[in-house]
N, C-alpha and C. Protein backbone atom coordinates (compact mmCIF):
# COMPACT_ATOMS: atom_id res chain seq x y z
N MET A 1 56.04 126.06 118.52
CA MET A 1 56.58 125.06 117.68
C MET A 1 56.99 125.06 116.47
N HIS A 2 58.34 124.45 115.58
CA HIS A 2 59.00 124.27 114.28
C HIS A 2 58.96 122.61 113.80
N LEU A 3 58.44 122.26 112.98
CA LEU A 3 58.72 120.85 112.42
C LEU A 3 60.45 120.01 112.92
N ALA A 4 60.82 121.43 112.70
CA ALA A 4 62.45 120.42 113.22
C ALA A 4 62.79 120.80 114.31
N GLU A 5 61.79 120.48 115.06
CA GLU A 5 61.82 121.12 116.51
C GLU A 5 61.34 118.94 117.16
N LEU A 6 60.78 118.08 116.36
CA LEU A 6 60.11 117.21 116.37
C LEU A 6 60.89 116.06 116.24
N LYS A 7 60.97 115.41 117.12
CA LYS A 7 61.57 114.35 117.27
C LYS A 7 61.28 112.51 116.79
N HIS A 8 61.75 111.56 116.20
CA HIS A 8 61.06 110.47 115.59
C HIS A 8 60.08 110.06 116.46
N GLY A 9 58.99 109.72 115.17
CA GLY A 9 58.18 109.09 115.73
C GLY A 9 57.17 109.58 116.59
N GLU A 10 57.15 111.53 116.41
CA GLU A 10 56.40 112.41 117.12
C GLU A 10 55.48 112.93 115.54
N LYS A 11 54.11 113.74 116.37
CA LYS A 11 52.96 113.68 115.36
C LYS A 11 52.75 114.88 115.64
N ALA A 12 52.00 115.66 114.96
CA ALA A 12 51.81 116.89 115.09
C ALA A 12 50.96 117.69 113.76
N THR A 13 50.44 118.77 113.94
CA THR A 13 49.55 118.85 112.88
C THR A 13 49.88 120.16 112.69
N VAL A 14 50.25 120.81 111.59
CA VAL A 14 50.58 121.97 110.78
C VAL A 14 50.01 123.05 110.62
N LEU A 15 50.18 124.06 111.28
CA LEU A 15 49.65 125.61 111.22
C LEU A 15 49.35 126.17 110.81
N GLY A 16 50.92 126.30 110.61
CA GLY A 16 51.14 127.35 109.07
C GLY A 16 52.04 127.27 108.67
N VAL A 17 52.82 127.61 107.33
CA VAL A 17 54.46 128.21 107.12
C VAL A 17 54.64 129.32 106.75
N ALA A 18 56.29 129.64 107.21
CA ALA A 18 55.99 131.13 107.25
C ALA A 18 56.32 131.45 105.21
N GLN A 19 56.01 132.39 105.44
CA GLN A 19 56.27 132.82 103.27
C GLN A 19 57.89 133.52 102.94
N GLY A 20 58.23 132.73 101.68
CA GLY A 20 59.10 133.00 101.67
C GLY A 20 59.88 132.34 100.57
N GLU A 21 61.13 131.61 100.32
CA GLU A 21 61.27 131.57 98.93
C GLU A 21 61.11 129.87 98.99
N ALA A 22 61.20 129.51 100.10
CA ALA A 22 60.30 127.52 99.79
C ALA A 22 58.96 127.14 99.86
N TYR A 23 57.82 128.80 100.37
CA TYR A 23 57.03 128.51 100.97
C TYR A 23 56.01 127.25 99.82
N CYS A 24 55.81 128.55 98.56
CA CYS A 24 55.02 127.61 97.21
C CYS A 24 55.42 125.70 97.01
N HIS A 25 56.55 125.68 97.53
CA HIS A 25 57.28 124.33 97.20
C HIS A 25 56.73 123.49 99.03
N LEU A 26 56.67 124.08 99.44
CA LEU A 26 56.56 123.13 101.12
C LEU A 26 54.60 122.83 100.54
N CYS A 27 53.78 123.63 100.47
CA CYS A 27 52.51 124.04 100.29
C CYS A 27 52.30 123.05 99.39
N ALA A 28 53.02 122.70 97.94
CA ALA A 28 52.77 121.46 96.93
C ALA A 28 52.55 120.39 96.94
N LEU A 29 53.99 120.16 98.71
CA LEU A 29 54.34 118.76 99.16
C LEU A 29 53.25 118.54 100.47
N GLY A 30 52.79 119.34 100.61
CA GLY A 30 50.81 118.87 101.44
C GLY A 30 51.02 119.60 102.63
N LEU A 31 52.43 120.33 102.92
CA LEU A 31 51.97 120.77 103.99
C LEU A 31 51.83 122.09 104.15
N ASN A 32 50.38 122.11 104.01
CA ASN A 32 49.16 123.25 103.80
C ASN A 32 48.69 122.89 105.64
N THR A 33 48.09 124.05 106.57
CA THR A 33 47.33 124.50 107.27
C THR A 33 46.35 122.92 107.30
N GLY A 34 46.66 122.27 108.89
CA GLY A 34 45.22 121.51 109.12
C GLY A 34 46.42 119.91 108.81
N ALA A 35 47.40 119.42 108.17
CA ALA A 35 47.66 118.94 107.56
C ALA A 35 48.46 117.87 108.57
N GLU A 36 48.71 116.71 108.94
CA GLU A 36 48.54 115.93 109.95
C GLU A 36 50.36 115.55 109.79
N VAL A 37 52.20 115.79 110.56
CA VAL A 37 53.04 115.17 109.58
C VAL A 37 53.29 114.50 110.70
N GLU A 38 54.33 113.12 110.69
CA GLU A 38 55.27 112.97 111.49
C GLU A 38 56.39 112.61 111.02
N VAL A 39 57.19 112.84 111.79
CA VAL A 39 58.68 112.60 111.89
C VAL A 39 59.27 111.21 111.45
N VAL A 40 59.35 110.75 110.61
CA VAL A 40 59.49 109.00 110.37
C VAL A 40 61.50 108.82 110.44
N ARG A 41 61.91 109.90 110.22
CA ARG A 41 63.80 109.32 110.16
C ARG A 41 64.18 110.94 110.02
N THR A 42 65.26 111.29 111.08
CA THR A 42 66.13 111.45 111.10
C THR A 42 67.67 111.36 110.56
N LEU A 43 68.23 112.57 109.65
CA LEU A 43 69.76 111.89 109.38
C LEU A 43 70.61 112.75 109.97
N SER A 44 72.15 112.78 109.33
CA SER A 44 72.68 113.65 109.23
C SER A 44 72.91 114.77 110.71
N ARG A 45 72.80 113.92 111.77
CA ARG A 45 72.48 114.86 112.74
C ARG A 45 71.46 116.10 112.92
N ARG A 46 70.06 116.13 112.58
CA ARG A 46 69.10 116.41 112.45
C ARG A 46 69.21 117.53 111.33
N THR A 47 69.41 117.74 110.38
CA THR A 47 70.25 118.73 109.49
C THR A 47 68.94 117.82 107.88
N VAL A 48 68.53 116.72 108.15
CA VAL A 48 67.49 116.16 107.31
C VAL A 48 67.08 115.26 108.34
N LEU A 49 65.32 115.74 107.90
CA LEU A 49 64.29 115.13 108.61
C LEU A 49 63.61 114.39 107.26
N ILE A 50 62.91 112.84 107.39
CA ILE A 50 62.44 112.57 106.77
C ILE A 50 60.85 112.68 107.31
N VAL A 51 59.40 113.07 106.39
CA VAL A 51 58.54 112.97 107.37
C VAL A 51 57.57 112.61 106.56
N ARG A 52 56.40 112.23 107.16
CA ARG A 52 55.86 111.49 106.27
C ARG A 52 53.74 112.69 106.49
N VAL A 53 53.90 112.81 104.80
CA VAL A 53 52.82 113.87 104.54
C VAL A 53 51.42 113.39 104.08
N ASP A 54 50.26 112.75 104.30
CA ASP A 54 49.23 112.03 103.05
C ASP A 54 50.17 110.94 102.68
N GLY A 55 50.28 110.17 103.47
CA GLY A 55 51.22 108.50 103.24
C GLY A 55 52.17 109.00 102.82
N PHE A 56 52.48 110.22 101.74
CA PHE A 56 54.45 110.20 101.66
C PHE A 56 55.40 110.77 102.34
N ASP A 57 56.57 109.97 102.06
CA ASP A 57 57.42 110.38 102.94
C ASP A 57 58.40 111.68 102.05
N ILE A 58 58.79 112.39 102.59
CA ILE A 58 59.31 113.97 102.14
C ILE A 58 60.92 114.67 102.94
N ALA A 59 61.61 114.71 102.00
CA ALA A 59 62.85 114.56 102.74
C ALA A 59 62.74 116.14 103.00
N LEU A 60 63.44 117.22 104.08
CA LEU A 60 63.27 118.14 104.24
C LEU A 60 64.57 118.10 105.24
N ARG A 61 64.95 119.62 104.83
CA ARG A 61 66.63 120.36 105.31
C ARG A 61 65.97 120.75 106.56
N GLY A 62 67.13 120.79 107.83
CA GLY A 62 66.10 121.31 108.74
C GLY A 62 66.01 122.88 109.20
N GLU A 63 67.00 123.23 107.93
CA GLU A 63 66.87 124.83 108.15
C GLU A 63 65.31 125.04 107.40
N THR A 64 64.99 124.67 106.07
CA THR A 64 62.97 124.27 105.99
C THR A 64 62.29 124.42 107.53
N ALA A 65 62.82 122.94 107.36
CA ALA A 65 61.23 122.63 108.18
C ALA A 65 61.33 123.94 109.74
N SER A 66 62.34 124.33 109.97
CA SER A 66 62.05 125.30 110.92
C SER A 66 61.24 126.57 110.56
N THR A 67 60.53 126.46 109.47
CA THR A 67 59.82 127.37 108.55
C THR A 67 58.50 126.98 108.94
N VAL A 68 57.74 125.47 109.47
CA VAL A 68 56.69 125.09 109.11
C VAL A 68 56.74 124.84 110.94
N LYS A 69 55.21 126.14 111.15
CA LYS A 69 54.85 125.56 112.49
C LYS A 69 53.90 124.94 112.85
N ILE A 70 53.74 124.81 114.25
CA ILE A 70 53.17 123.45 114.13
C ILE A 70 52.02 123.15 115.37
N ARG A 71 51.05 121.99 115.62
CA ARG A 71 50.62 121.88 117.24
C ARG A 71 50.86 120.14 117.43
N MET A 72 51.46 120.66 118.61
CA MET A 72 52.30 118.92 118.68
C MET A 72 50.47 118.24 119.25
N GLU A 73 50.56 116.67 118.90
CA GLU A 73 49.29 115.99 119.04
C GLU A 73 49.24 115.31 120.37
N SER A 74 48.39 115.55 120.77
CA SER A 74 47.92 115.46 122.21
C SER A 74 48.02 113.47 122.17
N ALA A 75 49.44 113.16 123.37
CA ALA A 75 49.19 111.44 123.48
C ALA A 75 47.96 111.05 124.33
N LEU A 76 47.83 110.44 123.90
CA LEU A 76 46.10 109.56 124.61
C LEU A 76 46.58 108.12 125.37
């Protein structure tokens, strides 16, 4: 599953980021293996996602978010 597939309010753990032009930028923003992410908001018909990583909100294009592989948090 990829980050772009999460819906508002859902949380997940980052499994990895695909190598590509945005790889270093995403890692610098905290989207590293093991990081917890939460979708805070979606904009423009899901073409932009606002995600929370380590207490910071980050805006990502849906295309970029699809390069981040995740594992869904289990519901308690």
